[in-house]
């Protein structure tokens, strides 16, 4: 197949492209050309085209070339759908487990749980629902993959305050105290970018099974908040003391901002049984292993 991967130089895309190339696909990476691809990277075996997926005219220019499938990582699937739905046979978009809202059950299936509290995700989720409903009227089948927290080499992993701050990781390495909210603990499921790339590849190679589906990506299990902190301490070789405090104090004083404290409030424990059943998906890395891989990458990059 000839596959256009928009965002192919990003965290998950840079894992997907080599997989597709190894399977014999012709891969074209669509990017704005702002990210420097290191010399010797397997990404150089793909062909590059410059495009801004947030701009319909830019996409239309790329669409003058024919593609069997198009993958969208930047969250611009609505534009991709408008441009490629009658020429490509398959369009796959990356979503997020957070789109489903606060989970009623864990592991969480690919079903709306509660209203999404993130405006950008809420809009994109409605677009995904609309594209799924619209796909039978067009040539392209539509599929979306919903990851939880993405981890692994290539990006600073989730930190113990719910962000991706290298200074927080350095504090963890020094064994500084971490505060967690009292009460029932949220489940945190770091998923390796490589494992997510595998789901995209499986969906691309199994169009019939993937058509019209949302697939959760993720590890085989999740960690409690406490175990997440202890895992980071084990990786860094430090004893990280934990102090449990009232939720209101944590939310308002320790980790303000819903994009931060939500990690310690809403479970990130996706039910991956559909991907297992329909695509044969099986994650390679545990949450502990992917956190270690991310920390080792930070060390290699000289960030720690």
Protein backbone atom coordinates (compact mmCIF):
# COMPACT_ATOMS: atom_id res chain seq x y z
CA UNK A 1 0.00 0.00 0.00
CA UNK A 2 0.94 3.61 -0.48
CA UNK A 3 0.40 5.29 2.89
CA UNK A 4 0.55 8.96 3.81
CA UNK A 5 1.48 9.42 7.47
CA UNK A 6 0.75 12.99 8.57
CA UNK A 7 2.88 13.66 11.61
CA UNK A 8 5.21 10.80 10.76
CA UNK A 9 8.14 12.50 12.49
CA UNK A 10 6.25 12.74 15.80
CA UNK A 11 6.36 10.47 18.84
CA UNK A 12 4.10 7.66 17.61
CA UNK A 13 4.58 8.38 13.91
CA UNK A 14 8.35 7.89 14.15
CA UNK A 15 7.67 4.37 15.45
CA UNK A 16 4.95 3.62 12.89
CA UNK A 17 6.89 4.59 9.77
CA UNK A 18 9.71 2.02 10.25
CA UNK A 19 7.13 -0.70 10.96
CA UNK A 20 5.28 0.06 7.72
CA UNK A 21 8.50 0.24 5.72
CA UNK A 22 9.61 -3.14 7.08
CA UNK A 23 6.28 -4.58 5.88
CA UNK A 24 6.99 -3.42 2.34
CA UNK A 25 4.61 -0.45 2.21
CA UNK A 26 5.44 2.73 0.32
CA UNK A 27 5.41 5.41 3.01
CA UNK A 28 5.14 9.15 2.49
CA UNK A 29 5.59 11.40 5.53
CA UNK A 30 3.57 14.60 5.56
CA UNK A 31 5.03 17.27 7.82
CA UNK A 32 5.58 21.00 8.04
CA UNK A 33 9.31 20.35 7.85
CA UNK A 34 10.03 22.00 11.18
CA UNK A 35 11.41 18.93 12.96
CA UNK A 36 15.00 17.94 12.25
CA UNK A 37 15.25 14.23 11.48
CA UNK A 38 18.66 12.92 12.66
CA UNK A 39 21.01 11.55 10.07
CA UNK A 40 20.76 7.78 9.90
CA UNK A 41 17.14 7.73 11.09
CA UNK A 42 15.01 5.04 9.40
CA UNK A 43 12.55 7.82 8.60
CA UNK A 44 14.86 8.86 5.76
CA UNK A 45 13.85 5.67 3.95
CA UNK A 46 10.41 7.23 3.49
CA UNK A 47 9.62 10.07 1.14
CA UNK A 48 8.76 13.47 2.61
CA UNK A 49 6.16 15.97 1.44
CA UNK A 50 5.60 19.36 3.03
CA UNK A 51 2.06 20.02 4.20
CA UNK A 52 0.12 21.72 6.94
CA UNK A 53 -2.80 19.49 7.83
CA UNK A 54 -4.50 22.42 9.53
CA UNK A 55 -4.85 24.06 6.13
CA UNK A 56 -7.28 22.54 3.62
CA UNK A 57 -5.48 24.08 0.66
CA UNK A 58 -2.18 22.57 1.77
CA UNK A 59 -3.81 19.14 2.12
CA UNK A 60 -5.53 19.48 -1.23
CA UNK A 61 -2.16 20.05 -2.85
CA UNK A 62 -0.85 16.79 -1.37
CA UNK A 63 -4.08 15.00 -2.38
CA UNK A 64 -3.22 15.51 -6.04
CA UNK A 65 -1.15 12.38 -5.45
CA UNK A 66 -3.08 9.13 -4.89
CA UNK A 67 -2.82 7.26 -1.56
CA UNK A 68 -4.36 3.99 -0.43
CA UNK A 69 -4.45 5.08 3.21
CA UNK A 70 -3.89 8.24 5.25
CA UNK A 71 -2.94 8.42 8.93
CA UNK A 72 -3.48 11.61 10.94
CA UNK A 73 -1.55 12.16 14.17
CA UNK A 74 -1.78 15.96 14.73
CA UNK A 75 -5.52 15.94 15.53
CA UNK A 76 -6.58 17.37 12.18
CA UNK A 77 -8.58 14.36 11.03
CA UNK A 78 -11.62 16.46 10.13
CA UNK A 79 -9.60 18.27 7.46
CA UNK A 80 -8.01 15.02 6.31
CA UNK A 81 -11.46 13.45 5.99
CA UNK A 82 -12.81 16.32 3.88
CA UNK A 83 -9.89 16.10 1.47
CA UNK A 84 -9.17 12.34 1.19
CA UNK A 85 -12.51 10.59 1.90
CA UNK A 86 -13.33 9.99 -1.77
CA UNK A 87 -9.84 9.08 -2.99
CA UNK A 88 -8.17 7.05 -0.21
CA UNK A 89 -9.56 3.68 0.91
CA UNK A 90 -8.78 4.08 4.62
CA UNK A 91 -8.28 7.03 6.97
CA UNK A 92 -7.03 6.47 10.51
CA UNK A 93 -6.95 9.20 13.15
CA UNK A 94 -5.40 9.42 16.59
CA UNK A 95 -7.79 10.37 19.38
CA UNK A 96 -7.47 10.12 23.16
CA UNK A 97 -8.98 8.10 25.99
CA UNK A 98 -9.75 11.45 27.63
CA UNK A 99 -12.32 12.11 24.91
CA UNK A 100 -14.63 9.57 26.56
CA UNK A 101 -14.96 11.65 29.74
CA UNK A 102 -14.53 10.60 33.37
CA UNK A 103 -14.65 6.78 33.31
CA UNK A 104 -17.52 4.95 34.95
CA UNK A 105 -15.67 1.64 34.77
CA UNK A 106 -12.06 0.46 34.59
CA UNK A 107 -10.78 -0.92 32.31
CA UNK A 108 -12.70 1.57 30.15
CA UNK A 109 -14.25 0.47 26.82
CA UNK A 110 -14.52 2.61 23.68
CA UNK A 111 -17.83 4.14 24.75
CA UNK A 112 -18.78 7.61 25.96
CA UNK A 113 -18.55 7.65 29.74
CA UNK A 114 -19.28 11.25 30.71
CA UNK A 115 -19.02 14.65 29.01
CA UNK A 116 -15.44 15.42 28.01
CA UNK A 117 -14.06 18.28 30.12
CA UNK A 118 -11.41 19.29 27.58
CA UNK A 119 -12.83 21.62 24.93
CA UNK A 120 -10.40 20.63 22.17
CA UNK A 121 -10.88 16.92 22.78
CA UNK A 122 -14.66 17.34 23.01
CA UNK A 123 -14.75 18.95 19.57
CA UNK A 124 -12.47 16.34 18.02
CA UNK A 125 -14.47 13.49 19.58
CA UNK A 126 -17.69 14.78 18.03
CA UNK A 127 -15.89 15.01 14.70
CA UNK A 128 -14.75 11.39 15.06
CA UNK A 129 -18.32 10.29 15.77
CA UNK A 130 -19.53 12.25 12.74
CA UNK A 131 -16.84 10.75 10.48
CA UNK A 132 -17.69 7.23 11.63
CA UNK A 133 -21.35 7.88 10.82
CA UNK A 134 -20.50 9.43 7.45
CA UNK A 135 -17.96 6.88 6.25
CA UNK A 136 -20.45 4.55 4.53
CA UNK A 137 -21.23 7.33 2.05
CA UNK A 138 -17.64 7.63 0.86
CA UNK A 139 -14.82 5.50 -0.48
CA UNK A 140 -12.71 5.69 2.66
CA UNK A 141 -13.31 3.56 5.73
CA UNK A 142 -12.67 5.49 8.95
CA UNK A 143 -10.89 4.24 12.08
CA UNK A 144 -9.67 5.96 15.22
CA UNK A 145 -7.20 4.87 17.91
CA UNK A 146 -7.59 6.17 21.48
CA UNK A 147 -4.41 6.02 23.57
CA UNK A 148 -4.07 6.81 27.28
CA UNK A 149 -0.87 8.55 28.43
CA UNK A 150 1.77 8.03 25.71
CA UNK A 151 5.21 7.08 26.96
CA UNK A 152 8.44 5.50 25.72
CA UNK A 153 11.56 6.80 23.94
CA UNK A 154 11.24 10.10 22.14
CA UNK A 155 9.35 12.22 24.67
CA UNK A 156 9.65 13.24 28.33
CA UNK A 157 7.26 10.90 30.17
CA UNK A 158 4.47 11.81 32.55
CA UNK A 159 5.87 13.23 35.77
CA UNK A 160 4.60 12.93 39.35
CA UNK A 161 2.73 16.26 39.07
CA UNK A 162 0.82 15.26 35.95
CA UNK A 163 2.98 17.14 33.44
CA UNK A 164 6.08 16.40 31.38
CA UNK A 165 8.54 18.65 33.19
CA UNK A 166 12.20 17.63 33.19
CA UNK A 167 12.71 19.51 36.48
CA UNK A 168 10.12 17.32 38.20
CA UNK A 169 11.96 14.24 36.94
CA UNK A 170 15.20 15.64 38.31
CA UNK A 171 13.49 16.15 41.68
CA UNK A 172 12.34 12.51 41.54
CA UNK A 173 15.91 11.49 40.83
CA UNK A 174 17.01 13.39 43.96
CA UNK A 175 14.35 11.63 46.02
CA UNK A 176 12.32 14.72 46.87
CA UNK A 177 8.89 14.31 48.46
CA UNK A 178 5.85 13.76 46.21
CA UNK A 179 2.32 14.74 47.22
CA UNK A 180 -0.66 12.62 46.21
CA UNK A 181 -4.37 13.14 46.88
CA UNK A 182 -6.01 11.13 49.65
CA UNK A 183 -8.75 8.65 48.92
CA UNK A 184 -9.25 6.09 46.14
CA UNK A 185 -6.32 6.17 43.77
CA UNK A 186 -6.53 6.79 40.05
CA UNK A 187 -5.07 4.19 37.71
CA UNK A 188 -2.28 5.42 35.45
CA UNK A 189 -1.49 3.42 32.32
CA UNK A 190 1.60 4.67 30.48
CA UNK A 191 1.55 3.13 27.00
CA UNK A 192 4.65 2.82 24.87
CA UNK A 193 4.59 4.78 21.61
CA UNK A 194 5.84 1.64 19.86
CA UNK A 195 2.81 -0.34 21.06
CA UNK A 196 0.48 2.36 19.79
CA UNK A 197 2.26 2.33 16.44
CA UNK A 198 1.61 -1.41 16.27
CA UNK A 199 -2.16 -0.84 16.56
CA UNK A 200 -2.07 1.66 13.70
CA UNK A 201 -0.10 -0.81 11.57
CA UNK A 202 -2.50 -3.66 12.41
CA UNK A 203 -5.48 -1.48 11.49
CA UNK A 204 -3.87 -0.45 8.20
CA UNK A 205 -3.22 -4.07 7.31
CA UNK A 206 -6.73 -5.19 8.36
CA UNK A 207 -9.00 -2.60 6.78
CA UNK A 208 -12.11 -4.76 6.88
CA UNK A 209 -11.79 -5.48 10.62
CA UNK A 210 -10.82 -1.89 11.43
CA UNK A 211 -13.45 -0.09 9.34
CA UNK A 212 -15.86 1.98 11.42
CA UNK A 213 -14.12 1.18 14.70
CA UNK A 214 -12.58 3.05 17.60
CA UNK A 215 -9.77 1.03 19.20
CA UNK A 216 -8.30 1.72 22.59
CA UNK A 217 -4.54 1.47 22.72
CA UNK A 218 -2.66 0.76 25.91
CA UNK A 219 -0.64 -1.51 28.10
CA UNK A 220 -1.99 -4.77 29.48
CA UNK A 221 -2.61 -3.15 32.88
CA UNK A 222 -2.32 0.14 34.74
CA UNK A 223 -0.56 1.31 37.93
CA UNK A 224 -2.07 2.99 40.96
CA UNK A 225 -0.85 6.52 41.62
CA UNK A 226 1.30 5.23 44.48
CA UNK A 227 2.81 2.48 42.36
CA UNK A 228 3.51 4.99 39.60
CA UNK A 229 5.56 7.12 42.01
CA UNK A 230 7.33 4.06 43.42
CA UNK A 231 8.14 2.88 39.91
CA UNK A 232 9.75 6.24 39.14
CA UNK A 233 11.76 5.97 42.36
CA UNK A 234 12.91 2.46 41.46
CA UNK A 235 13.99 3.62 38.00
CA UNK A 236 15.90 6.57 39.43
CA UNK A 237 17.36 4.52 42.29
CA UNK A 238 15.86 6.85 44.89
CA UNK A 239 13.47 6.51 47.79
CA UNK A 240 10.71 8.99 46.99
CA UNK A 241 8.68 9.81 50.12
CA UNK A 242 4.93 10.21 49.52
CA UNK A 243 2.62 12.44 51.55
CA UNK A 244 -1.13 12.05 51.07
CA UNK A 245 -3.12 15.27 51.33
CA UNK A 246 -6.77 16.33 50.94
CA UNK A 247 -7.98 16.38 47.36
CA UNK A 248 -8.87 20.08 47.44
CA UNK A 249 -5.36 20.97 48.59
CA UNK A 250 -3.80 18.82 45.90
CA UNK A 251 -6.02 20.23 43.16
CA UNK A 252 -5.71 23.88 44.12
CA UNK A 253 -2.19 24.14 45.53
CA UNK A 254 0.01 21.22 44.42
CA UNK A 255 -1.04 20.50 40.84
CA UNK A 256 -3.43 23.24 39.64
CA UNK A 257 -4.76 23.00 36.12
CA UNK A 258 -7.11 20.26 34.94
CA UNK A 259 -4.58 19.03 32.39
CA UNK A 260 -2.31 18.12 35.32
CA UNK A 261 -4.49 16.90 38.19
CA UNK A 262 -6.78 14.92 35.87
CA UNK A 263 -4.03 12.28 35.65
CA UNK A 264 -4.51 11.62 39.38
CA UNK A 265 -8.29 11.88 39.25
CA UNK A 266 -9.60 9.93 36.25
CA UNK A 267 -8.46 6.38 35.48
CA UNK A 268 -6.25 5.94 32.41
CA UNK A 269 -6.89 2.22 32.15
CA UNK A 270 -8.25 1.42 28.68
CA UNK A 271 -9.98 -1.84 27.84
CA UNK A 272 -7.92 -3.15 24.91
CA UNK A 273 -9.98 -6.30 24.33
CA UNK A 274 -11.48 -5.04 21.06
CA UNK A 275 -8.03 -4.45 19.53
CA UNK A 276 -6.97 -7.88 20.75
CA UNK A 277 -10.03 -9.60 19.28
CA UNK A 278 -10.33 -7.81 15.94
CA UNK A 279 -6.71 -6.96 15.19
CA UNK A 280 -4.67 -9.50 17.16
CA UNK A 281 -3.05 -6.71 19.18
CA UNK A 282 -0.83 -7.59 22.13
CA UNK A 283 1.22 -4.89 23.87
CA UNK A 284 4.94 -5.56 24.06
CA UNK A 285 5.79 -3.30 27.00
CA UNK A 286 4.44 -3.05 30.54
CA UNK A 287 3.92 0.39 32.15
CA UNK A 288 7.13 -0.12 34.14
CA UNK A 289 9.11 -1.05 31.05
CA UNK A 290 7.90 1.89 29.00
CA UNK A 291 8.71 4.32 31.82
CA UNK A 292 12.20 2.84 32.01
CA UNK A 293 12.58 3.15 28.23
CA UNK A 294 11.58 6.81 28.42
CA UNK A 295 14.00 7.56 31.26
CA UNK A 296 16.82 5.78 29.44
CA UNK A 297 16.06 7.93 26.39
CA UNK A 298 16.25 11.08 28.54
CA UNK A 299 19.61 9.92 29.84
CA UNK A 300 20.87 9.24 26.32
CA UNK A 301 19.71 12.71 25.25
CA UNK A 302 21.51 14.30 28.20
CA UNK A 303 18.31 15.63 29.76
CA UNK A 304 18.98 14.25 33.23
